Every structure is written in structure tokens, then in C-alpha cells.
């Protein structure tokens, strides 16, 4: 019997310890697989093309005394929220299409 061999010094490995060693090994492999999956998904998502940016007209002329508070975009139009009014402009030309007055604001 060699004294520098731990298997012989302590006897056979208990079943609980063997189970725990295998469990830790499986957990390590699962964590490595999860990390590889997360990195792969990040690489795939970051290589995707950027979403289309709305096209703005070169100029939009607001009526005198009106200041924009918010802007939103749609298919072929740009809406500017200005106080109690919503101004809808053509996205290509910047011409005013419609003005909607919202009652009860301010």
C-alpha cells in the first residue's frame, strides 16, 4: 500500500461523494453550454440590420407662435403635437395635411 495515493489512503470513494462529483461536472457543462448559447444569440442579434429610420421632410414650417412638444411618424406622414393641436404633415414634402384641435387641453 502506497501512502501517497489518496484512493488507497482513504479507501473507496463513498457513493454520495461520487454522485456529488458527477453532479458538479454536469452543472459545469450545462453552464458552459448556456454561456455559449447566450454569446451566440448576442452575436446573431447584433449582426441583424438596424430597423428603418423614419424619413423626414427637408423642412416643416410650423404656424406662427406654435412650438413642437412631440413628434411621431407614420406611413407617409409626420405628426407634430403642439399644445392643444395636432399638426399632420406630408412626410415627403413637409406640407400641412391636417390640423386637429383637441378640446379640453390646457
PDB file of N, CA and C in Angstrom:
ATOM      1  N   UNK A   1       0.838  -1.174   0.000  1.00  0.00           N
ATOM      2  CA  UNK A   1       0.000   0.000   0.000  1.00  0.00           C
ATOM      3  C   UNK A   1       0.885   1.241   0.000  1.00  0.00           C
ATOM      4  N   UNK A   2       0.607   2.143  -0.973  1.00  0.00           N
ATOM      5  CA  UNK A   2       1.398   3.376  -1.079  1.00  0.00           C
ATOM      6  C   UNK A   2       0.691   4.456  -0.299  1.00  0.00           C
ATOM      7  N   UNK A   3       1.442   5.214   0.475  1.00  0.00           N
ATOM      8  CA  UNK A   3       0.842   6.242   1.323  1.00  0.00           C
ATOM      9  C   UNK A   3       0.553   7.543   0.572  1.00  0.00           C
ATOM     10  N   UNK A   4       1.182   7.753  -0.592  1.00  0.00           N
ATOM     11  CA  UNK A   4       0.954   8.994  -1.326  1.00  0.00           C
ATOM     12  C   UNK A   4      -0.240   8.894  -2.278  1.00  0.00           C
ATOM     13  N   UNK A   5      -0.898   7.763  -2.365  1.00  0.00           N
ATOM     14  CA  UNK A   5      -2.083   7.586  -3.204  1.00  0.00           C
ATOM     15  C   UNK A   5      -3.340   7.806  -2.350  1.00  0.00           C
ATOM     16  N   UNK A   6      -4.109   8.897  -2.600  1.00  0.00           N
ATOM     17  CA  UNK A   6      -5.264   9.197  -1.752  1.00  0.00           C
ATOM     18  C   UNK A   6      -6.353   8.130  -1.842  1.00  0.00           C
ATOM     19  N   UNK A   7      -6.512   7.463  -2.992  1.00  0.00           N
ATOM     20  CA  UNK A   7      -7.539   6.430  -3.108  1.00  0.00           C
ATOM     21  C   UNK A   7      -7.268   5.265  -2.168  1.00  0.00           C
ATOM     22  N   UNK A   8      -6.017   4.936  -2.021  1.00  0.00           N
ATOM     23  CA  UNK A   8      -5.676   3.832  -1.130  1.00  0.00           C
ATOM     24  C   UNK A   8      -5.646   4.273   0.325  1.00  0.00           C
ATOM     25  N   UNK A   9      -5.302   5.533   0.589  1.00  0.00           N
ATOM     26  CA  UNK A   9      -5.187   6.009   1.965  1.00  0.00           C
ATOM     27  C   UNK A   9      -6.560   6.134   2.629  1.00  0.00           C
ATOM     28  N   UNK A  10      -7.577   6.561   1.877  1.00  0.00           N
ATOM     29  CA  UNK A  10      -8.896   6.780   2.453  1.00  0.00           C
ATOM     30  C   UNK A  10      -9.902   5.685   2.101  1.00  0.00           C
ATOM     31  N   UNK A  11      -9.506   4.755   1.320  1.00  0.00           N
ATOM     32  CA  UNK A  11     -10.397   3.675   0.947  1.00  0.00           C
ATOM     33  C   UNK A  11     -11.212   4.056  -0.284  1.00  0.00           C
ATOM     34  N   UNK A  12     -12.214   3.268  -0.645  1.00  0.00           N
ATOM     35  CA  UNK A  12     -13.012   3.563  -1.838  1.00  0.00           C
ATOM     36  C   UNK A  12     -13.857   4.830  -1.637  1.00  0.00           C
ATOM     37  N   UNK A  13     -14.160   5.463  -2.750  1.00  0.00           N
ATOM     38  CA  UNK A  13     -14.934   6.710  -2.720  1.00  0.00           C
ATOM     39  C   UNK A  13     -16.388   6.413  -2.337  1.00  0.00           C
ATOM     40  N   UNK A  14     -16.950   7.154  -1.367  1.00  0.00           N
ATOM     41  CA  UNK A  14     -18.353   6.928  -0.993  1.00  0.00           C
ATOM     42  C   UNK A  14     -19.303   7.272  -2.149  1.00  0.00           C
ATOM     43  N   UNK A  15     -20.446   6.614  -2.183  1.00  0.00           N
ATOM     44  CA  UNK A  15     -21.410   6.814  -3.278  1.00  0.00           C
ATOM     45  C   UNK A  15     -21.916   8.249  -3.318  1.00  0.00           C
ATOM     46  N   UNK A  16     -22.170   8.862  -2.166  1.00  0.00           N
ATOM     47  CA  UNK A  16     -22.651  10.248  -2.142  1.00  0.00           C
ATOM     48  C   UNK A  16     -21.629  11.211  -2.731  1.00  0.00           C
ATOM     49  N   UNK A  17     -20.368  10.982  -2.441  1.00  0.00           N
ATOM     50  CA  UNK A  17     -19.317  11.850  -2.961  1.00  0.00           C
ATOM     51  C   UNK A  17     -19.179  11.676  -4.467  1.00  0.00           C
ATOM     52  N   UNK A  18     -19.299  10.456  -4.959  1.00  0.00           N
ATOM     53  CA  UNK A  18     -19.228  10.180  -6.392  1.00  0.00           C
ATOM     54  C   UNK A  18     -20.399  10.875  -7.114  1.00  0.00           C
ATOM     55  N   UNK A  19     -21.610  10.779  -6.513  1.00  0.00           N
ATOM     56  CA  UNK A  19     -22.781  11.439  -7.076  1.00  0.00           C
ATOM     57  C   UNK A  19     -22.589  12.956  -7.112  1.00  0.00           C
ATOM     58  N   UNK A  20     -22.067  13.523  -6.033  1.00  0.00           N
ATOM     59  CA  UNK A  20     -21.837  14.963  -5.964  1.00  0.00           C
ATOM     60  C   UNK A  20     -20.816  15.404  -7.001  1.00  0.00           C
ATOM     61  N   UNK A  21     -19.760  14.640  -7.193  1.00  0.00           N
ATOM     62  CA  UNK A  21     -18.729  14.971  -8.183  1.00  0.00           C
ATOM     63  C   UNK A  21     -19.323  14.969  -9.583  1.00  0.00           C
ATOM     64  N   UNK A  22     -20.160  13.980  -9.889  1.00  0.00           N
ATOM     65  CA  UNK A  22     -20.795  13.908 -11.210  1.00  0.00           C
ATOM     66  C   UNK A  22     -21.795  15.050 -11.389  1.00  0.00           C
ATOM     67  N   UNK A  23     -22.518  15.386 -10.341  1.00  0.00           N
ATOM     68  CA  UNK A  23     -23.484  16.479 -10.391  1.00  0.00           C
ATOM     69  C   UNK A  23     -22.788  17.815 -10.673  1.00  0.00           C
ATOM     70  N   UNK A  24     -21.678  18.061 -10.029  1.00  0.00           N
ATOM     71  CA  UNK A  24     -20.916  19.294 -10.259  1.00  0.00           C
ATOM     72  C   UNK A  24     -20.370  19.323 -11.682  1.00  0.00           C
ATOM     73  N   UNK A  25     -19.934  18.191 -12.181  1.00  0.00           N
ATOM     74  CA  UNK A  25     -19.423  18.126 -13.553  1.00  0.00           C
ATOM     75  C   UNK A  25     -20.539  18.430 -14.552  1.00  0.00           C
ATOM     76  N   UNK A  26     -21.719  17.852 -14.356  1.00  0.00           N
ATOM     77  CA  UNK A  26     -22.845  18.107 -15.252  1.00  0.00           C
ATOM     78  C   UNK A  26     -23.265  19.574 -15.175  1.00  0.00           C
ATOM     79  N   UNK A  27     -23.306  20.141 -13.977  1.00  0.00           N
ATOM     80  CA  UNK A  27     -23.660  21.549 -13.823  1.00  0.00           C
ATOM     81  C   UNK A  27     -22.659  22.447 -14.542  1.00  0.00           C
ATOM     82  N   UNK A  28     -21.399  22.132 -14.448  1.00  0.00           N
ATOM     83  CA  UNK A  28     -20.369  22.905 -15.144  1.00  0.00           C
ATOM     84  C   UNK A  28     -20.585  22.855 -16.655  1.00  0.00           C
ATOM     85  N   UNK A  29     -20.883  21.670 -17.183  1.00  0.00           N
ATOM     86  CA  UNK A  29     -21.113  21.538 -18.622  1.00  0.00           C
ATOM     87  C   UNK A  29     -22.362  22.302 -19.062  1.00  0.00           C
ATOM     88  N   UNK A  30     -23.419  22.256 -18.253  1.00  0.00           N
ATOM     89  CA  UNK A  30     -24.648  22.987 -18.576  1.00  0.00           C
ATOM     90  C   UNK A  30     -24.387  24.492 -18.559  1.00  0.00           C
ATOM     91  N   UNK A  31     -23.629  24.976 -17.594  1.00  0.00           N
ATOM     92  CA  UNK A  31     -23.320  26.409 -17.520  1.00  0.00           C
ATOM     93  C   UNK A  31     -22.468  26.849 -18.708  1.00  0.00           C
ATOM     94  N   UNK A  32     -21.518  26.034 -19.106  1.00  0.00           N
ATOM     95  CA  UNK A  32     -20.690  26.365 -20.274  1.00  0.00           C
ATOM     96  C   UNK A  32     -21.569  26.395 -21.520  1.00  0.00           C
ATOM     97  N   UNK A  33     -22.467  25.427 -21.664  1.00  0.00           N
ATOM     98  CA  UNK A  33     -23.393  25.418 -22.801  1.00  0.00           C
ATOM     99  C   UNK A  33     -24.298  26.639 -22.810  1.00  0.00           C
ATOM    100  N   UNK A  34     -24.800  27.037 -21.643  1.00  0.00           N
ATOM    101  CA  UNK A  34     -25.647  28.224 -21.552  1.00  0.00           C
ATOM    102  C   UNK A  34     -24.888  29.484 -21.924  1.00  0.00           C
ATOM    103  N   UNK A  35     -23.657  29.596 -21.473  1.00  0.00           N
ATOM    104  CA  UNK A  35     -22.839  30.763 -21.795  1.00  0.00           C
ATOM    105  C   UNK A  35     -22.561  30.844 -23.294  1.00  0.00           C
ATOM    106  N   UNK A  36     -22.259  29.715 -23.901  1.00  0.00           N
ATOM    107  CA  UNK A  36     -22.025  29.682 -25.351  1.00  0.00           C
ATOM    108  C   UNK A  36     -23.303  30.080 -26.088  1.00  0.00           C
ATOM    109  N   UNK A  37     -24.462  29.612 -25.621  1.00  0.00           N
ATOM    110  CA  UNK A  37     -25.740  29.958 -26.250  1.00  0.00           C
ATOM    111  C   UNK A  37     -26.013  31.455 -26.146  1.00  0.00           C
ATOM    112  N   UNK A  38     -25.800  32.040 -24.975  1.00  0.00           N
ATOM    113  CA  UNK A  38     -26.031  33.475 -24.793  1.00  0.00           C
ATOM    114  C   UNK A  38     -25.105  34.287 -25.685  1.00  0.00           C
ATOM    115  N   UNK A  39     -23.853  33.914 -25.768  1.00  0.00           N
ATOM    116  CA  UNK A  39     -22.900  34.638 -26.626  1.00  0.00           C
ATOM    117  C   UNK A  39     -23.312  34.506 -28.088  1.00  0.00           C
ATOM    118  N   UNK A  40     -23.726  33.305 -28.504  1.00  0.00           N
ATOM    119  CA  UNK A  40     -24.155  33.111 -29.897  1.00  0.00           C
ATOM    120  C   UNK A  40     -25.384  33.957 -30.209  1.00  0.00           C
ATOM    121  N   UNK A  41     -26.353  34.008 -29.299  1.00  0.00           N
ATOM    122  CA  UNK A  41     -27.544  34.820 -29.531  1.00  0.00           C
ATOM    123  C   UNK A  41     -27.216  36.303 -29.599  1.00  0.00           C
ATOM    124  N   UNK A  42     -26.300  36.764 -28.751  1.00  0.00           N
ATOM    125  CA  UNK A  42     -25.894  38.172 -28.810  1.00  0.00           C
ATOM    126  C   UNK A  42     -25.231  38.497 -30.141  1.00  0.00           C
ATOM    127  N   UNK A  43     -24.370  37.617 -30.610  1.00  0.00           N
ATOM    128  CA  UNK A  43     -23.696  37.852 -31.884  1.00  0.00           C
ATOM    129  C   UNK A  43     -24.716  37.881 -33.024  1.00  0.00           C
ATOM    130  N   UNK A  44     -25.672  36.957 -32.992  1.00  0.00           N
ATOM    131  CA  UNK A  44     -26.689  36.924 -34.047  1.00  0.00           C
ATOM    132  C   UNK A  44     -27.535  38.189 -34.015  1.00  0.00           C
ATOM    133  N   UNK A  45     -27.972  38.615 -32.819  1.00  0.00           N
ATOM    134  CA  UNK A  45     -28.822  39.804 -32.706  1.00  0.00           C
ATOM    135  C   UNK A  45     -28.067  41.076 -33.085  1.00  0.00           C
ATOM    136  N   UNK A  46     -26.803  41.168 -32.727  1.00  0.00           N
ATOM    137  CA  UNK A  46     -26.049  42.388 -33.018  1.00  0.00           C
ATOM    138  C   UNK A  46     -25.691  42.498 -34.495  1.00  0.00           C
ATOM    139  N   UNK A  47     -25.705  41.396 -35.224  1.00  0.00           N
ATOM    140  CA  UNK A  47     -25.410  41.443 -36.654  1.00  0.00           C
ATOM    141  C   UNK A  47     -26.650  41.715 -37.487  1.00  0.00           C
ATOM    142  N   UNK A  48     -27.829  41.691 -36.863  1.00  0.00           N
ATOM    143  CA  UNK A  48     -29.073  41.952 -37.591  1.00  0.00           C
ATOM    144  C   UNK A  48     -29.077  43.400 -38.077  1.00  0.00           C
ATOM    145  N   UNK A  49     -29.684  43.652 -39.222  1.00  0.00           N
ATOM    146  CA  UNK A  49     -29.718  45.030 -39.722  1.00  0.00           C
ATOM    147  C   UNK A  49     -30.542  45.927 -38.793  1.00  0.00           C
ATOM    148  N   UNK A  50     -30.142  47.169 -38.730  1.00  0.00           N
ATOM    149  CA  UNK A  50     -30.845  48.140 -37.881  1.00  0.00           C
ATOM    150  C   UNK A  50     -32.235  48.407 -38.445  1.00  0.00           C
ATOM    151  N   UNK A  51     -33.200  48.688 -37.581  1.00  0.00           N
ATOM    152  CA  UNK A  51     -34.549  49.000 -38.080  1.00  0.00           C
ATOM    153  C   UNK A  51     -34.527  50.281 -38.907  1.00  0.00           C
ATOM    154  N   UNK A  52     -35.469  50.363 -39.820  1.00  0.00           N
ATOM    155  CA  UNK A  52     -35.530  51.520 -40.716  1.00  0.00           C
ATOM    156  C   UNK A  52     -35.825  52.792 -39.920  1.00  0.00           C
ATOM    157  N   UNK A  53     -35.106  53.822 -40.247  1.00  0.00           N
ATOM    158  CA  UNK A  53     -35.296  55.128 -39.615  1.00  0.00           C
ATOM    159  C   UNK A  53     -36.355  55.879 -40.408  1.00  0.00           C
ATOM    160  N   UNK A  54     -37.311  56.504 -39.737  1.00  0.00           N
ATOM    161  CA  UNK A  54     -38.346  57.255 -40.479  1.00  0.00           C
ATOM    162  C   UNK A  54     -37.722  58.358 -41.320  1.00  0.00           C
ATOM    163  N   UNK A  55     -38.271  58.540 -42.508  1.00  0.00           N
ATOM    164  CA  UNK A  55     -37.785  59.582 -43.400  1.00  0.00           C
ATOM    165  C   UNK A  55     -38.455  60.907 -43.047  1.00  0.00           C
ATOM    166  N   UNK A  56     -37.657  61.901 -42.841  1.00  0.00           N
ATOM    167  CA  UNK A  56     -38.162  63.232 -42.509  1.00  0.00           C
ATOM    168  C   UNK A  56     -38.120  64.120 -43.733  1.00  0.00           C
ATOM    169  N   UNK A  57     -39.096  65.023 -43.858  1.00  0.00           N
ATOM    170  CA  UNK A  57     -39.010  66.006 -44.941  1.00  0.00           C
ATOM    171  C   UNK A  57     -37.864  66.974 -44.663  1.00  0.00           C
ATOM    172  N   UNK A  58     -37.424  67.634 -45.709  1.00  0.00           N
ATOM    173  CA  UNK A  58     -36.324  68.593 -45.539  1.00  0.00           C
ATOM    174  C   UNK A  58     -36.710  69.720 -44.594  1.00  0.00           C
ATOM    175  N   UNK A  59     -37.925  70.217 -44.728  1.00  0.00           N
ATOM    176  CA  UNK A  59     -38.375  71.299 -43.838  1.00  0.00           C
ATOM    177  C   UNK A  59     -39.831  71.076 -43.452  1.00  0.00           C
ATOM    178  N   UNK A  60     -40.154  71.494 -42.247  1.00  0.00           N
ATOM    179  CA  UNK A  60     -41.537  71.549 -41.773  1.00  0.00           C
ATOM    180  C   UNK A  60     -41.720  72.939 -41.192  1.00  0.00           C
ATOM    181  N   UNK A  61     -42.709  73.656 -41.697  1.00  0.00           N
ATOM    182  CA  UNK A  61     -42.963  75.015 -41.219  1.00  0.00           C
ATOM    183  C   UNK A  61     -44.162  74.989 -40.274  1.00  0.00           C
ATOM    184  N   UNK A  62     -43.907  75.297 -39.025  1.00  0.00           N
ATOM    185  CA  UNK A  62     -44.986  75.379 -38.040  1.00  0.00           C
ATOM    186  C   UNK A  62     -45.638  76.749 -38.119  1.00  0.00           C
ATOM    187  N   UNK A  63     -46.936  76.841 -37.844  1.00  0.00           N
ATOM    188  CA  UNK A  63     -47.600  78.155 -37.822  1.00  0.00           C
ATOM    189  C   UNK A  63     -46.948  79.068 -36.780  1.00  0.00           C
ATOM    190  N   UNK A  64     -47.112  80.353 -36.942  1.00  0.00           N
ATOM    191  CA  UNK A  64     -46.515  81.333 -36.037  1.00  0.00           C
ATOM    192  C   UNK A  64     -47.021  81.116 -34.614  1.00  0.00           C
ATOM    193  N   UNK A  65     -46.118  81.174 -33.660  1.00  0.00           N
ATOM    194  CA  UNK A  65     -46.459  81.048 -32.253  1.00  0.00           C
ATOM    195  C   UNK A  65     -46.641  79.609 -31.773  1.00  0.00           C
ATOM    196  N   UNK A  66     -46.390  78.645 -32.604  1.00  0.00           N
ATOM    197  CA  UNK A  66     -46.562  77.233 -32.234  1.00  0.00           C
ATOM    198  C   UNK A  66     -45.183  76.620 -32.022  1.00  0.00           C
ATOM    199  N   UNK A  67     -45.042  75.904 -30.908  1.00  0.00           N
ATOM    200  CA  UNK A  67     -43.782  75.195 -30.678  1.00  0.00           C
ATOM    201  C   UNK A  67     -44.091  73.707 -30.494  1.00  0.00           C
ATOM    202  N   UNK A  68     -43.245  72.877 -31.066  1.00  0.00           N
ATOM    203  CA  UNK A  68     -43.462  71.425 -31.038  1.00  0.00           C
ATOM    204  C   UNK A  68     -43.150  70.872 -29.652  1.00  0.00           C
ATOM    205  N   UNK A  69     -44.041  70.001 -29.168  1.00  0.00           N
ATOM    206  CA  UNK A  69     -43.833  69.319 -27.891  1.00  0.00           C
ATOM    207  C   UNK A  69     -43.481  67.852 -28.103  1.00  0.00           C
ATOM    208  N   UNK A  70     -43.979  67.274 -29.203  1.00  0.00           N
ATOM    209  CA  UNK A  70     -43.688  65.872 -29.513  1.00  0.00           C
ATOM    210  C   UNK A  70     -43.854  65.667 -31.006  1.00  0.00           C
ATOM    211  N   UNK A  71     -43.180  64.640 -31.512  1.00  0.00           N
ATOM    212  CA  UNK A  71     -43.261  64.306 -32.935  1.00  0.00           C
ATOM    213  C   UNK A  71     -43.458  62.800 -33.042  1.00  0.00           C
ATOM    214  N   UNK A  72     -44.313  62.392 -33.971  1.00  0.00           N
ATOM    215  CA  UNK A  72     -44.485  60.966 -34.235  1.00  0.00           C
ATOM    216  C   UNK A  72     -44.556  60.757 -35.741  1.00  0.00           C
ATOM    217  N   UNK A  73     -44.257  59.532 -36.168  1.00  0.00           N
ATOM    218  CA  UNK A  73     -44.148  59.234 -37.587  1.00  0.00           C
ATOM    219  C   UNK A  73     -45.120  58.132 -37.970  1.00  0.00           C
ATOM    220  N   UNK A  74     -45.617  58.202 -39.178  1.00  0.00           N
ATOM    221  CA  UNK A  74     -46.466  57.160 -39.732  1.00  0.00           C
ATOM    222  C   UNK A  74     -46.063  56.910 -41.171  1.00  0.00           C
ATOM    223  N   UNK A  75     -46.828  56.077 -41.849  1.00  0.00           N
ATOM    224  CA  UNK A  75     -46.537  55.760 -43.249  1.00  0.00           C
ATOM    225  C   UNK A  75     -46.921  56.958 -44.121  1.00  0.00           C
ATOM    226  N   UNK A  76     -45.943  57.748 -44.481  1.00  0.00           N
ATOM    227  CA  UNK A  76     -46.184  58.891 -45.350  1.00  0.00           C
ATOM    228  C   UNK A  76     -46.576  60.166 -44.641  1.00  0.00           C
ATOM    229  N   UNK A  77     -46.556  60.189 -43.320  1.00  0.00           N
ATOM    230  CA  UNK A  77     -46.917  61.405 -42.599  1.00  0.00           C
ATOM    231  C   UNK A  77     -46.076  61.580 -41.344  1.00  0.00           C
ATOM    232  N   UNK A  78     -46.027  62.833 -40.893  1.00  0.00           N
ATOM    233  CA  UNK A  78     -45.340  63.214 -39.660  1.00  0.00           C
ATOM    234  C   UNK A  78     -46.328  64.042 -38.854  1.00  0.00           C
ATOM    235  N   UNK A  79     -46.540  63.692 -37.592  1.00  0.00           N
ATOM    236  CA  UNK A  79     -47.462  64.455 -36.746  1.00  0.00           C
ATOM    237  C   UNK A  79     -46.655  65.207 -35.695  1.00  0.00           C
ATOM    238  N   UNK A  80     -47.000  66.477 -35.522  1.00  0.00           N
ATOM    239  CA  UNK A  80     -46.359  67.319 -34.523  1.00  0.00           C
ATOM    240  C   UNK A  80     -47.422  67.702 -33.506  1.00  0.00           C
ATOM    241  N   UNK A  81     -47.160  67.407 -32.245  1.00  0.00           N
ATOM    242  CA  UNK A  81     -48.088  67.774 -31.179  1.00  0.00           C
ATOM    243  C   UNK A  81     -47.623  69.108 -30.630  1.00  0.00           C
ATOM    244  N   UNK A  82     -48.518  70.091 -30.652  1.00  0.00           N
ATOM    245  CA  UNK A  82     -48.184  71.443 -30.218  1.00  0.00           C
ATOM    246  C   UNK A  82     -49.310  71.951 -29.331  1.00  0.00           C
ATOM    247  N   UNK A  83     -49.154  71.751 -28.031  1.00  0.00           N
ATOM    248  CA  UNK A  83     -50.175  72.224 -27.093  1.00  0.00           C
ATOM    249  C   UNK A  83     -51.481  71.482 -27.271  1.00  0.00           C
ATOM    250  N   UNK A  84     -52.532  72.215 -27.694  1.00  0.00           N
ATOM    251  CA  UNK A  84     -53.846  71.606 -27.866  1.00  0.00           C
ATOM    252  C   UNK A  84     -54.130  71.257 -29.326  1.00  0.00           C
ATOM    253  N   UNK A  85     -53.083  71.214 -30.147  1.00  0.00           N
ATOM    254  CA  UNK A  85     -53.243  70.920 -31.572  1.00  0.00           C
ATOM    255  C   UNK A  85     -52.332  69.776 -32.001  1.00  0.00           C
ATOM    256  N   UNK A  86     -52.827  69.033 -32.969  1.00  0.00           N
ATOM    257  CA  UNK A  86     -52.003  68.012 -33.633  1.00  0.00           C
ATOM    258  C   UNK A  86     -51.920  68.415 -35.098  1.00  0.00           C
ATOM    259  N   UNK A  87     -50.707  68.651 -35.562  1.00  0.00           N
ATOM    260  CA  UNK A  87     -50.489  69.067 -36.947  1.00  0.00           C
ATOM    261  C   UNK A  87     -49.923  67.869 -37.714  1.00  0.00           C
ATOM    262  N   UNK A  88     -50.593  67.487 -38.790  1.00  0.00           N
ATOM    263  CA  UNK A  88     -50.169  66.333 -39.586  1.00  0.00           C
ATOM    264  C   UNK A  88     -49.580  66.860 -40.893  1.00  0.00           C
ATOM    265  N   UNK A  89     -48.314  66.506 -41.127  1.00  0.00           N
ATOM    266  CA  UNK A  89     -47.600  66.959 -42.316  1.00  0.00           C
ATOM    267  C   UNK A  89     -47.315  65.781 -43.236  1.00  0.00           C
ATOM    268  N   UNK A  90     -47.182  66.066 -44.535  1.00  0.00           N
ATOM    269  CA  UNK A  90     -46.780  65.050 -45.509  1.00  0.00           C
ATOM    270  C   UNK A  90     -45.296  64.742 -45.297  1.00  0.00           C
ATOM    271  N   UNK A  91     -44.943  63.488 -45.239  1.00  0.00           N
ATOM    272  CA  UNK A  91     -43.558  63.111 -44.965  1.00  0.00           C
ATOM    273  C   UNK A  91     -42.631  63.417 -46.127  1.00  0.00           C
ATOM    274  N   UNK A  92     -43.160  63.468 -47.335  1.00  0.00           N
ATOM    275  CA  UNK A  92     -42.302  63.737 -48.491  1.00  0.00           C
ATOM    276  C   UNK A  92     -42.053  65.212 -48.722  1.00  0.00           C
ATOM    277  N   UNK A  93     -43.102  65.992 -48.648  1.00  0.00           N
ATOM    278  CA  UNK A  93     -42.977  67.416 -48.993  1.00  0.00           C
ATOM    279  C   UNK A  93     -42.916  68.331 -47.782  1.00  0.00           C
ATOM    280  N   UNK A  94     -43.453  67.908 -46.658  1.00  0.00           N
ATOM    281  CA  UNK A  94     -43.490  68.760 -45.480  1.00  0.00           C
ATOM    282  C   UNK A  94     -44.693  69.679 -45.453  1.00  0.00           C
ATOM    283  N   UNK A  95     -45.633  69.492 -46.394  1.00  0.00           N
ATOM    284  CA  UNK A  95     -46.837  70.328 -46.446  1.00  0.00           C
ATOM    285  C   UNK A  95     -47.812  69.891 -45.354  1.00  0.00           C
ATOM    286  N   UNK A  96     -48.530  70.869 -44.796  1.00  0.00           N
ATOM    287  CA  UNK A  96     -49.529  70.587 -43.778  1.00  0.00           C
ATOM    288  C   UNK A  96     -50.725  69.893 -44.408  1.00  0.00           C
ATOM    289  N   UNK A  97     -51.051  68.696 -43.941  1.00  0.00           N
ATOM    290  CA  UNK A  97     -52.199  67.944 -44.447  1.00  0.00           C
ATOM    291  C   UNK A  97     -53.452  68.229 -43.645  1.00  0.00           C
ATOM    292  N   UNK A  98     -53.295  68.230 -42.314  1.00  0.00           N
ATOM    293  CA  UNK A  98     -54.466  68.342 -41.460  1.00  0.00           C
ATOM    294  C   UNK A  98     -54.057  68.947 -40.124  1.00  0.00           C
ATOM    295  N   UNK A  99     -54.965  69.697 -39.538  1.00  0.00           N
ATOM    296  CA  UNK A  99     -54.773  70.236 -38.194  1.00  0.00           C
ATOM    297  C   UNK A  99     -55.950  69.793 -37.344  1.00  0.00           C
ATOM    298  N   UNK A 100     -55.665  69.151 -36.216  1.00  0.00           N
ATOM    299  CA  UNK A 100     -56.705  68.653 -35.326  1.00  0.00           C
ATOM    300  C   UNK A 100     -56.578  69.406 -34.019  1.00  0.00           C
ATOM    301  N   UNK A 101     -57.679  70.052 -33.584  1.00  0.00           N
ATOM    302  CA  UNK A 101     -57.695  70.747 -32.311  1.00  0.00           C
ATOM    303  C   UNK A 101     -58.324  69.808 -31.285  1.00  0.00           C
ATOM    304  N   UNK A 102     -57.610  69.592 -30.207  1.00  0.00           N
ATOM    305  CA  UNK A 102     -58.085  68.694 -29.152  1.00  0.00           C
ATOM    306  C   UNK A 102     -58.697  69.559 -28.055  1.00  0.00           C
ATOM    307  N   UNK A 103     -59.992  69.417 -27.852  1.00  0.00           N
ATOM    308  CA  UNK A 103     -60.693  70.208 -26.837  1.00  0.00           C
ATOM    309  C   UNK A 103     -60.380  69.665 -25.442  1.00  0.00           C
ATOM    310  N   UNK A 104     -60.429  70.539 -24.482  1.00  0.00           N
ATOM    311  CA  UNK A 104     -60.248  70.137 -23.089  1.00  0.00           C
ATOM    312  C   UNK A 104     -58.814  70.120 -22.623  1.00  0.00           C
ATOM    313  N   UNK A 105     -57.886  70.455 -23.469  1.00  0.00           N
ATOM    314  CA  UNK A 105     -56.473  70.528 -23.050  1.00  0.00           C
ATOM    315  C   UNK A 105     -56.118  71.973 -22.765  1.00  0.00           C
ATOM    316  N   UNK A 106     -55.399  72.177 -21.732  1.00  0.00           N
ATOM    317  CA  UNK A 106     -54.907  73.484 -21.303  1.00  0.00           C
ATOM    318  C   UNK A 106     -55.985  74.385 -20.908  1.00  0.00           C
TER     319      UNK A 106
END
